[in-house]
Amino acid sequence: MPLRRARIELFGRVQGVGFRFFAQEMALRYRIDGYVQNTFSGSVEVVAEGEEDALAKFIEELKKGPPGARVQNVRIVWGEAKGDIRGFRVVY
């Protein structure tokens, strides 16, 4: 299964609702490497690498978000895996 990289930006009610920790939990579930961080504009940014099928499932979970979140829009930029990220971390 080929590895891919995705830069995902989620908009809506996504900060202050535990979204970053939800993303980390889902990344562990689907064996995704990368990181998640809040942006100054109020969105959440995720950079994720993994098998294409696992990434697709991970993104579907992100679109739902944790309880209390309301994802209104998602922007995804696909790229080639770089293999430069190990594990999944929450950036503060």
N, C-alpha and C. Protein backbone atom coordinates (compact mmCIF):
# COMPACT_ATOMS: atom_id res chain seq x y z
N MET A 1 0.85 -1.19 0.00
CA MET A 1 0.00 0.00 0.00
C MET A 1 0.89 1.24 0.00
N PRO A 2 0.68 2.15 -0.93
CA PRO A 2 1.54 3.34 -1.00
C PRO A 2 1.30 4.31 0.15
N LEU A 3 2.38 4.95 0.55
CA LEU A 3 2.27 5.97 1.59
C LEU A 3 2.00 7.32 0.93
N ARG A 4 1.18 8.13 1.60
CA ARG A 4 0.85 9.47 1.11
C ARG A 4 0.98 10.45 2.26
N ARG A 5 1.02 11.72 1.89
CA ARG A 5 1.01 12.80 2.87
C ARG A 5 -0.18 13.70 2.55
N ALA A 6 -0.82 14.17 3.60
CA ALA A 6 -1.93 15.11 3.43
C ALA A 6 -1.76 16.26 4.41
N ARG A 7 -1.98 17.46 3.93
CA ARG A 7 -2.08 18.64 4.80
C ARG A 7 -3.56 18.97 4.86
N ILE A 8 -4.13 18.88 6.05
CA ILE A 8 -5.58 19.02 6.24
C ILE A 8 -5.82 20.25 7.10
N GLU A 9 -6.69 21.13 6.64
CA GLU A 9 -7.08 22.28 7.45
C GLU A 9 -8.58 22.20 7.67
N LEU A 10 -8.97 22.27 8.94
CA LEU A 10 -10.38 22.12 9.32
C LEU A 10 -10.88 23.44 9.87
N PHE A 11 -12.06 23.85 9.40
CA PHE A 11 -12.64 25.13 9.77
C PHE A 11 -13.97 24.91 10.47
N GLY A 12 -14.37 25.84 11.29
CA GLY A 12 -15.63 25.78 12.02
C GLY A 12 -15.34 25.90 13.50
N ARG A 13 -16.15 25.22 14.30
CA ARG A 13 -15.93 25.21 15.74
C ARG A 13 -14.98 24.06 16.04
N VAL A 14 -13.68 24.34 15.94
CA VAL A 14 -12.67 23.29 16.05
C VAL A 14 -11.60 23.58 17.10
N GLN A 15 -11.63 24.76 17.70
CA GLN A 15 -10.69 25.07 18.77
C GLN A 15 -11.45 25.15 20.08
N GLY A 16 -10.80 24.69 21.16
CA GLY A 16 -11.43 24.72 22.47
C GLY A 16 -12.40 23.60 22.72
N VAL A 17 -12.36 22.57 21.87
CA VAL A 17 -13.29 21.44 22.01
C VAL A 17 -12.56 20.09 22.06
N GLY A 18 -11.24 20.13 22.30
CA GLY A 18 -10.47 18.90 22.38
C GLY A 18 -10.11 18.29 21.04
N PHE A 19 -10.15 19.11 19.99
CA PHE A 19 -9.94 18.58 18.64
C PHE A 19 -8.54 18.01 18.45
N ARG A 20 -7.52 18.69 18.97
CA ARG A 20 -6.15 18.21 18.76
C ARG A 20 -5.93 16.84 19.41
N PHE A 21 -6.50 16.64 20.58
CA PHE A 21 -6.33 15.35 21.26
C PHE A 21 -7.16 14.26 20.59
N PHE A 22 -8.31 14.64 20.05
CA PHE A 22 -9.12 13.71 19.26
C PHE A 22 -8.33 13.28 18.02
N ALA A 23 -7.70 14.24 17.35
CA ALA A 23 -6.91 13.93 16.16
C ALA A 23 -5.76 12.98 16.51
N GLN A 24 -5.11 13.21 17.64
CA GLN A 24 -4.02 12.34 18.08
C GLN A 24 -4.52 10.92 18.34
N GLU A 25 -5.66 10.82 18.99
CA GLU A 25 -6.25 9.49 19.26
C GLU A 25 -6.57 8.76 17.96
N MET A 26 -7.15 9.47 16.99
CA MET A 26 -7.49 8.85 15.71
C MET A 26 -6.22 8.47 14.94
N ALA A 27 -5.18 9.30 15.05
CA ALA A 27 -3.92 8.99 14.37
C ALA A 27 -3.32 7.70 14.92
N LEU A 28 -3.38 7.53 16.23
CA LEU A 28 -2.87 6.30 16.82
C LEU A 28 -3.70 5.10 16.35
N ARG A 29 -5.00 5.28 16.27
CA ARG A 29 -5.89 4.19 15.83
C ARG A 29 -5.55 3.74 14.40
N TYR A 30 -5.28 4.71 13.52
CA TYR A 30 -5.06 4.40 12.10
C TYR A 30 -3.57 4.35 11.72
N ARG A 31 -2.71 4.44 12.72
CA ARG A 31 -1.25 4.37 12.50
C ARG A 31 -0.78 5.46 11.55
N ILE A 32 -1.15 6.67 11.88
CA ILE A 32 -0.79 7.85 11.09
C ILE A 32 0.33 8.59 11.81
N ASP A 33 1.34 9.01 11.08
CA ASP A 33 2.40 9.87 11.61
C ASP A 33 2.07 11.31 11.26
N GLY A 34 2.52 12.25 12.10
CA GLY A 34 2.31 13.65 11.77
C GLY A 34 2.13 14.50 13.00
N TYR A 35 1.40 15.60 12.82
CA TYR A 35 1.14 16.51 13.93
C TYR A 35 -0.14 17.29 13.69
N VAL A 36 -0.64 17.88 14.76
CA VAL A 36 -1.84 18.71 14.71
C VAL A 36 -1.57 19.97 15.51
N GLN A 37 -2.08 21.10 15.02
CA GLN A 37 -1.90 22.36 15.74
C GLN A 37 -3.05 23.31 15.43
N ASN A 38 -3.34 24.17 16.40
CA ASN A 38 -4.27 25.26 16.16
C ASN A 38 -3.56 26.32 15.33
N THR A 39 -4.33 27.06 14.51
CA THR A 39 -3.76 28.17 13.76
C THR A 39 -4.27 29.48 14.36
N PHE A 40 -3.58 30.55 14.05
CA PHE A 40 -4.00 31.86 14.55
C PHE A 40 -5.34 32.29 13.97
N SER A 41 -5.70 31.77 12.81
CA SER A 41 -6.96 32.15 12.16
C SER A 41 -8.17 31.42 12.74
N GLY A 42 -7.93 30.46 13.67
CA GLY A 42 -9.04 29.75 14.30
C GLY A 42 -9.31 28.38 13.74
N SER A 43 -8.54 27.96 12.74
CA SER A 43 -8.71 26.62 12.19
C SER A 43 -7.76 25.65 12.90
N VAL A 44 -7.82 24.39 12.51
CA VAL A 44 -6.90 23.37 13.00
C VAL A 44 -6.18 22.81 11.78
N GLU A 45 -4.85 22.71 11.88
CA GLU A 45 -4.04 22.17 10.78
C GLU A 45 -3.49 20.82 11.20
N VAL A 46 -3.59 19.86 10.29
CA VAL A 46 -3.04 18.52 10.51
C VAL A 46 -2.13 18.19 9.33
N VAL A 47 -0.94 17.74 9.63
CA VAL A 47 -0.07 17.17 8.61
C VAL A 47 0.04 15.69 8.95
N ALA A 48 -0.34 14.84 7.99
CA ALA A 48 -0.45 13.42 8.27
C ALA A 48 0.18 12.59 7.16
N GLU A 49 0.85 11.52 7.55
CA GLU A 49 1.42 10.56 6.61
C GLU A 49 1.02 9.16 7.01
N GLY A 50 0.70 8.36 6.01
CA GLY A 50 0.36 6.98 6.27
C GLY A 50 -0.10 6.30 5.00
N GLU A 51 -0.55 5.06 5.15
CA GLU A 51 -1.10 4.34 4.01
C GLU A 51 -2.35 5.06 3.53
N GLU A 52 -2.54 5.08 2.23
CA GLU A 52 -3.63 5.84 1.63
C GLU A 52 -4.99 5.50 2.22
N ASP A 53 -5.29 4.21 2.38
CA ASP A 53 -6.59 3.81 2.94
C ASP A 53 -6.75 4.29 4.38
N ALA A 54 -5.68 4.15 5.17
CA ALA A 54 -5.72 4.60 6.56
C ALA A 54 -5.89 6.11 6.63
N LEU A 55 -5.21 6.84 5.76
CA LEU A 55 -5.36 8.30 5.72
C LEU A 55 -6.79 8.70 5.40
N ALA A 56 -7.41 8.00 4.46
CA ALA A 56 -8.79 8.31 4.09
C ALA A 56 -9.72 8.11 5.28
N LYS A 57 -9.54 7.03 6.03
CA LYS A 57 -10.37 6.78 7.22
C LYS A 57 -10.11 7.82 8.30
N PHE A 58 -8.85 8.18 8.48
CA PHE A 58 -8.46 9.20 9.44
C PHE A 58 -9.14 10.53 9.11
N ILE A 59 -9.10 10.91 7.86
CA ILE A 59 -9.72 12.17 7.43
C ILE A 59 -11.23 12.14 7.65
N GLU A 60 -11.87 11.02 7.40
CA GLU A 60 -13.31 10.92 7.66
C GLU A 60 -13.62 11.15 9.13
N GLU A 61 -12.78 10.61 10.03
CA GLU A 61 -12.96 10.84 11.46
C GLU A 61 -12.78 12.31 11.80
N LEU A 62 -11.77 12.95 11.19
CA LEU A 62 -11.53 14.37 11.45
C LEU A 62 -12.73 15.22 11.00
N LYS A 63 -13.35 14.84 9.91
CA LYS A 63 -14.51 15.59 9.42
C LYS A 63 -15.67 15.55 10.43
N LYS A 64 -15.76 14.46 11.18
CA LYS A 64 -16.79 14.36 12.23
C LYS A 64 -16.37 15.15 13.47
N GLY A 65 -15.11 14.99 13.85
CA GLY A 65 -14.58 15.69 15.02
C GLY A 65 -15.09 15.11 16.32
N PRO A 66 -14.59 15.64 17.43
CA PRO A 66 -15.03 15.19 18.75
C PRO A 66 -16.36 15.81 19.11
N PRO A 67 -17.01 15.32 20.18
CA PRO A 67 -18.24 15.97 20.64
C PRO A 67 -17.96 17.44 20.95
N GLY A 68 -18.84 18.29 20.55
CA GLY A 68 -18.66 19.73 20.78
C GLY A 68 -18.08 20.45 19.59
N ALA A 69 -17.45 19.73 18.69
CA ALA A 69 -16.89 20.36 17.48
C ALA A 69 -17.97 20.43 16.41
N ARG A 70 -17.81 21.39 15.52
CA ARG A 70 -18.69 21.47 14.35
C ARG A 70 -17.79 21.85 13.16
N VAL A 71 -17.39 20.86 12.40
CA VAL A 71 -16.52 21.08 11.24
C VAL A 71 -17.40 21.57 10.09
N GLN A 72 -17.09 22.76 9.60
CA GLN A 72 -17.90 23.35 8.53
C GLN A 72 -17.24 23.25 7.17
N ASN A 73 -15.92 23.17 7.17
CA ASN A 73 -15.20 23.08 5.89
C ASN A 73 -13.86 22.39 6.12
N VAL A 74 -13.41 21.68 5.10
CA VAL A 74 -12.14 20.97 5.17
C VAL A 74 -11.38 21.22 3.87
N ARG A 75 -10.11 21.57 4.00
CA ARG A 75 -9.25 21.75 2.83
C ARG A 75 -8.13 20.72 2.93
N ILE A 76 -7.93 19.95 1.87
CA ILE A 76 -6.92 18.90 1.87
C ILE A 76 -5.97 19.11 0.68
N VAL A 77 -4.69 19.10 0.96
CA VAL A 77 -3.67 19.14 -0.09
C VAL A 77 -2.89 17.83 0.00
N TRP A 78 -2.94 17.03 -1.06
CA TRP A 78 -2.27 15.74 -1.08
C TRP A 78 -0.86 15.89 -1.62
N GLY A 79 0.04 15.06 -1.12
CA GLY A 79 1.41 15.06 -1.60
C GLY A 79 2.04 13.70 -1.41
N GLU A 80 3.28 13.63 -1.80
CA GLU A 80 4.05 12.39 -1.64
C GLU A 80 4.57 12.31 -0.21
N ALA A 81 4.61 11.11 0.31
CA ALA A 81 5.15 10.91 1.66
C ALA A 81 6.64 11.25 1.66
N LYS A 82 7.08 11.90 2.73
CA LYS A 82 8.49 12.26 2.87
C LYS A 82 9.21 11.36 3.87
N GLY A 83 8.45 10.74 4.77
CA GLY A 83 9.06 9.86 5.76
C GLY A 83 9.88 10.59 6.81
N ASP A 84 9.63 11.88 6.96
CA ASP A 84 10.42 12.67 7.91
C ASP A 84 9.74 12.88 9.25
N ILE A 85 8.57 12.27 9.44
CA ILE A 85 7.82 12.42 10.69
C ILE A 85 7.59 11.02 11.26
N ARG A 86 7.89 10.87 12.55
CA ARG A 86 7.64 9.60 13.24
C ARG A 86 6.72 9.88 14.42
N GLY A 87 5.68 9.09 14.56
CA GLY A 87 4.72 9.30 15.64
C GLY A 87 3.77 10.43 15.29
N PHE A 88 2.90 10.76 16.22
CA PHE A 88 1.93 11.84 16.01
C PHE A 88 1.91 12.71 17.25
N ARG A 89 2.11 13.99 17.07
CA ARG A 89 2.20 14.87 18.23
C ARG A 89 1.24 16.06 18.13
N VAL A 90 0.88 16.54 19.28
CA VAL A 90 0.08 17.75 19.40
C VAL A 90 1.04 18.91 19.58
N VAL A 91 0.96 19.92 18.72
CA VAL A 91 1.81 21.09 18.82
C VAL A 91 1.07 22.15 19.62
N TYR A 92 1.72 22.72 20.63
CA TYR A 92 1.10 23.73 21.47
C TYR A 92 1.53 25.10 21.05
